[in-house]
Protein backbone atom coordinates (compact mmCIF):
# COMPACT_ATOMS: atom_id res chain seq x y z
CA MET A 1 32.04 22.03 65.63
CA THR A 2 32.56 25.65 64.84
CA ALA A 3 29.72 28.04 64.06
CA GLY A 4 28.72 28.06 60.48
CA THR A 5 29.94 24.57 59.89
CA GLN A 6 27.35 22.40 58.04
CA MET A 7 27.11 18.66 58.41
CA ARG A 8 27.08 16.72 55.17
CA GLN A 9 24.90 13.60 55.03
CA PRO A 10 26.69 10.67 53.48
CA GLN A 11 25.33 9.76 49.98
CA MET A 12 23.91 6.27 49.91
CA GLY A 13 24.49 4.08 46.81
CA LEU A 14 21.77 2.06 45.05
CA THR A 15 20.57 -0.79 47.12
CA PHE A 16 19.83 -4.28 45.90
CA GLN A 17 16.14 -3.51 46.28
CA ASP A 18 16.48 -0.43 44.03
CA VAL A 19 18.23 -2.41 41.29
CA TRP A 20 15.71 -5.25 41.56
CA ALA A 21 12.76 -2.84 41.31
CA ALA A 22 14.27 -1.19 38.23
CA MET A 23 14.80 -4.59 36.60
CA MET A 24 11.24 -5.63 37.34
CA GLU A 25 9.90 -2.39 35.87
CA SER A 26 11.99 -2.88 32.73
CA ARG A 27 10.83 -6.50 32.45
CA ALA A 28 7.21 -5.45 32.83
CA GLU A 29 7.61 -2.85 30.05
CA HIS A 30 9.27 -5.47 27.83
CA ASP A 31 6.46 -7.95 28.43
CA ARG A 32 3.88 -5.24 27.65
CA MET A 33 5.57 -4.46 24.34
CA ILE A 34 5.74 -8.15 23.45
CA ALA A 35 2.05 -8.56 24.28
CA GLU A 36 1.11 -5.56 22.11
CA THR A 37 3.23 -6.91 19.25
CA ASP A 38 1.57 -10.34 19.49
CA LYS A 39 -1.85 -8.68 19.53
CA LYS A 40 -1.04 -6.71 16.37
CA ILE A 41 0.24 -9.84 14.65
CA GLN A 42 -2.98 -11.67 15.50
CA GLU A 43 -5.09 -8.73 14.34
CA ASN A 44 -3.16 -8.56 11.04
CA ALA A 45 -3.56 -12.31 10.56
CA ALA A 46 -7.30 -12.01 11.17
CA GLN A 47 -7.54 -9.10 8.74
CA GLN A 48 -5.56 -11.02 6.12
CA LYS A 49 -7.91 -13.96 6.54
CA LYS A 50 -10.89 -11.65 5.96
CA THR A 51 -9.18 -10.18 2.89
CA ASP A 52 -8.44 -13.63 1.47
CA GLN A 53 -12.08 -14.61 1.98
CA LEU A 54 -13.29 -11.43 0.27
CA ILE A 55 -11.03 -12.14 -2.72
CA LYS A 56 -12.31 -15.70 -2.86
CA ASP A 57 -15.94 -14.55 -2.69
CA LEU A 58 -15.31 -11.91 -5.34
CA GLY A 59 -13.82 -14.56 -7.62
CA LYS A 60 -16.96 -16.64 -7.25
CA GLN A 61 -19.14 -13.61 -7.96
CA MET A 62 -17.12 -12.73 -11.05
CA GLY A 63 -17.45 -16.30 -12.23
CA GLY A 64 -21.18 -16.05 -11.83
CA LEU A 65 -21.17 -12.71 -13.61
CA HIS A 66 -19.26 -14.24 -16.53
CA HIS A 67 -21.78 -17.06 -16.67
CA SER A 68 -24.70 -14.62 -16.64
CA PHE A 69 -23.05 -12.61 -19.39
CA GLY A 70 -22.73 -15.74 -21.48
CA GLU A 71 -26.41 -16.43 -21.01
CA LEU A 72 -27.18 -12.85 -22.04
CA ALA A 73 -25.21 -13.35 -25.25
CA ALA A 74 -27.00 -16.62 -25.94
CA ASN A 75 -30.52 -15.40 -25.21
CA LEU A 76 -30.46 -11.84 -26.48
CA VAL A 77 -27.53 -10.88 -28.68
CA ALA A 78 -27.02 -13.97 -30.83
CA PRO A 79 -30.59 -14.33 -32.18
CA ASN A 80 -30.67 -10.65 -33.05
CA LEU A 81 -27.33 -10.90 -34.80
CA VAL A 82 -28.53 -13.61 -37.14
CA ALA A 83 -31.46 -11.43 -38.18
CA LYS A 84 -29.41 -8.24 -38.45
CA PHE A 85 -26.72 -9.84 -40.58
CA ARG A 86 -29.38 -11.35 -42.81
CA ASP A 87 -30.27 -7.76 -43.73
CA LEU A 88 -26.63 -7.39 -44.81
CA HIS A 89 -26.95 -10.49 -47.02
CA TYR A 90 -25.23 -12.94 -44.64
CA THR A 91 -27.41 -15.98 -44.10
CA PHE A 92 -25.90 -17.63 -41.07
CA THR A 93 -27.40 -21.05 -40.48
CA LYS A 94 -25.63 -21.81 -37.21
CA SER A 95 -24.87 -19.77 -34.10
CA ALA A 96 -23.22 -20.68 -30.82
CA CYS A 97 -22.08 -18.84 -27.70
CA GLU A 98 -18.87 -19.11 -25.69
CA VAL A 99 -17.13 -21.30 -28.25
CA LYS A 100 -13.64 -22.48 -27.27
CA PHE A 101 -10.94 -23.40 -29.76
CA LYS A 102 -8.37 -25.83 -28.38
CA ASP A 103 -5.15 -27.36 -29.57
CA ALA A 104 -4.31 -31.06 -29.67
CA GLU A 105 -3.36 -31.01 -25.97
CA GLY A 106 -6.69 -29.51 -24.98
CA ILE A 107 -5.27 -26.06 -24.23
CA THR A 108 -7.69 -23.24 -25.08
CA LEU A 109 -6.24 -21.03 -27.81
CA ALA A 110 -9.19 -18.65 -28.11
CA GLU A 111 -12.74 -18.21 -26.86
CA VAL A 112 -15.45 -16.48 -28.88
CA ASP A 113 -18.56 -14.94 -27.32
CA VAL A 114 -20.75 -15.54 -30.39
CA TRP A 115 -19.78 -17.70 -33.35
CA LEU A 116 -21.85 -17.49 -36.55
CA GLU A 117 -21.33 -19.67 -39.59
CA ASN A 118 -22.63 -20.88 -42.93
CA GLY A 119 -21.07 -22.62 -45.91
CA ASP A 120 -19.10 -19.58 -47.04
CA TYR A 121 -18.45 -17.44 -43.97
CA VAL A 122 -17.72 -17.67 -40.27
CA MET A 123 -17.91 -14.69 -37.95
CA ALA A 124 -16.40 -14.17 -34.49
CA VAL A 125 -18.22 -11.63 -32.33
CA GLU A 126 -16.70 -10.19 -29.15
CA ILE A 127 -19.22 -8.71 -26.69
CA LYS A 128 -18.41 -6.16 -23.99
CA GLY A 129 -20.47 -4.11 -21.59
CA LYS A 130 -18.37 -1.08 -22.53
CA LEU A 131 -16.28 -1.41 -25.67
CA LEU A 132 -12.80 0.11 -25.50
CA GLN A 133 -9.91 0.29 -27.96
CA LYS A 134 -8.09 -2.34 -25.90
CA ASP A 135 -10.96 -4.76 -26.57
CA VAL A 136 -10.58 -4.17 -30.30
CA ASP A 137 -6.85 -4.91 -30.05
CA ASP A 138 -7.60 -8.11 -28.13
CA HIS A 139 -10.07 -9.18 -30.82
CA LEU A 140 -7.53 -8.51 -33.56
CA LYS A 141 -5.16 -10.92 -31.82
CA ARG A 142 -8.00 -13.41 -31.47
CA MET A 143 -8.78 -13.18 -35.19
CA LYS A 144 -5.19 -14.07 -36.04
CA ILE A 145 -5.42 -17.14 -33.82
CA LEU A 146 -8.74 -18.16 -35.37
CA HIS A 147 -7.35 -17.67 -38.87
CA ASP A 148 -4.39 -19.93 -38.12
CA TYR A 149 -6.68 -22.45 -36.44
CA GLY A 150 -8.90 -22.58 -39.54
CA ASN A 151 -5.92 -23.10 -41.82
CA ASP A 152 -4.60 -25.89 -39.62
CA HIS A 153 -7.98 -27.65 -39.79
CA GLY A 154 -8.63 -27.17 -43.49
CA ASP A 155 -11.41 -24.58 -43.05
CA THR A 156 -11.31 -22.43 -46.19
CA ARG A 157 -14.33 -20.29 -45.35
CA LYS A 158 -13.88 -16.52 -45.07
CA LEU A 159 -13.47 -15.33 -41.50
CA LEU A 160 -15.17 -12.08 -40.46
CA GLY A 161 -15.06 -10.21 -37.18
CA ALA A 162 -17.40 -8.01 -35.16
CA VAL A 163 -17.35 -6.25 -31.81
CA ALA A 164 -20.42 -5.43 -29.72
CA GLY A 165 -21.11 -3.31 -26.68
CA ALA A 166 -23.97 -1.90 -24.67
CA ILE A 167 -21.81 1.24 -24.52
CA VAL A 168 -19.42 1.99 -27.36
CA ARG A 169 -16.97 4.89 -27.14
CA LYS A 170 -16.54 6.88 -30.32
CA ASP A 171 -12.78 6.30 -30.40
CA ALA A 172 -13.36 2.55 -30.00
CA ARG A 173 -16.03 2.57 -32.71
CA ASP A 174 -13.81 4.42 -35.17
CA TYR A 175 -10.86 2.16 -34.37
CA ALA A 176 -12.95 -0.99 -34.81
CA VAL A 177 -14.30 0.19 -38.17
CA LYS A 178 -10.79 1.08 -39.31
CA SER A 179 -9.68 -2.42 -38.27
CA GLY A 180 -12.35 -3.97 -40.50
CA PHE A 181 -14.82 -5.05 -37.80
CA TYR A 182 -18.55 -4.68 -37.86
CA VAL A 183 -19.62 -2.65 -34.82
CA ILE A 184 -22.77 -3.80 -33.03
CA GLU A 185 -24.46 -1.51 -30.53
CA GLN A 186 -27.47 -1.74 -28.28
CA SER A 187 -30.56 -0.03 -29.63
CA GLY A 188 -33.59 -0.23 -27.38
CA ASP A 189 -34.43 -3.88 -26.85
CA THR A 190 -32.43 -5.02 -29.87
CA VAL A 191 -29.11 -4.24 -31.57
CA LYS A 192 -27.96 -2.24 -34.56
CA ILE A 193 -24.95 -2.67 -36.81
CA GLU A 194 -23.02 0.46 -37.70
CA MET A 195 -22.27 0.70 -41.42
CA PRO A 196 -20.28 3.87 -42.11
CA LYS A 197 -20.13 5.06 -45.67
CA GLY A 198 -17.42 3.26 -47.57
CA PHE A 199 -16.97 0.58 -44.94
CA THR A 200 -15.59 -2.74 -46.19
CA PRO A 201 -15.31 -5.61 -43.70
CA LYS A 202 -11.95 -7.27 -43.45
CA THR A 203 -11.64 -11.00 -44.07
CA TRP A 204 -8.99 -13.07 -42.35
């Protein structure tokens, strides 16, 4: 071997052990990813189960709230309405809360929070915690249904409408008055009926 000559070490290829180790490392990483994915799926399923239970519980609470609101209408609003409308020369002899009107198949066509009646008039009162224009629109649709229902059952009495709220927005009040509804608002421990100058209630 001459001076300056360098020996080159032969390059060794991958051994079976090297390939096997690489495969095992890749398999371990794959298994880890699968395990993490399964864990996330289980966590999501558990969270969905909690969400479903919360929705179910909320539904029950809302049902109870609706029931309590019906009791409020029966025990507080309705008796005051009879007295307040007497001052406006309506002598209602009957009052009922949460009255449902159904067709021949038993399907509910409309539900009224407070229903007042005498020999000449009937009045449908819709009660809201906060009265909005949308509620007035909904009651207008309800009045049409009640009008048709009365005609179909031979009820010739005049149908009147009213909307009530613990809180009544001015735009909702003005819209309700323009639509021909009496507007009933909370006033201390009783209620008051707004009677703007020139107001004429609509009959259906």
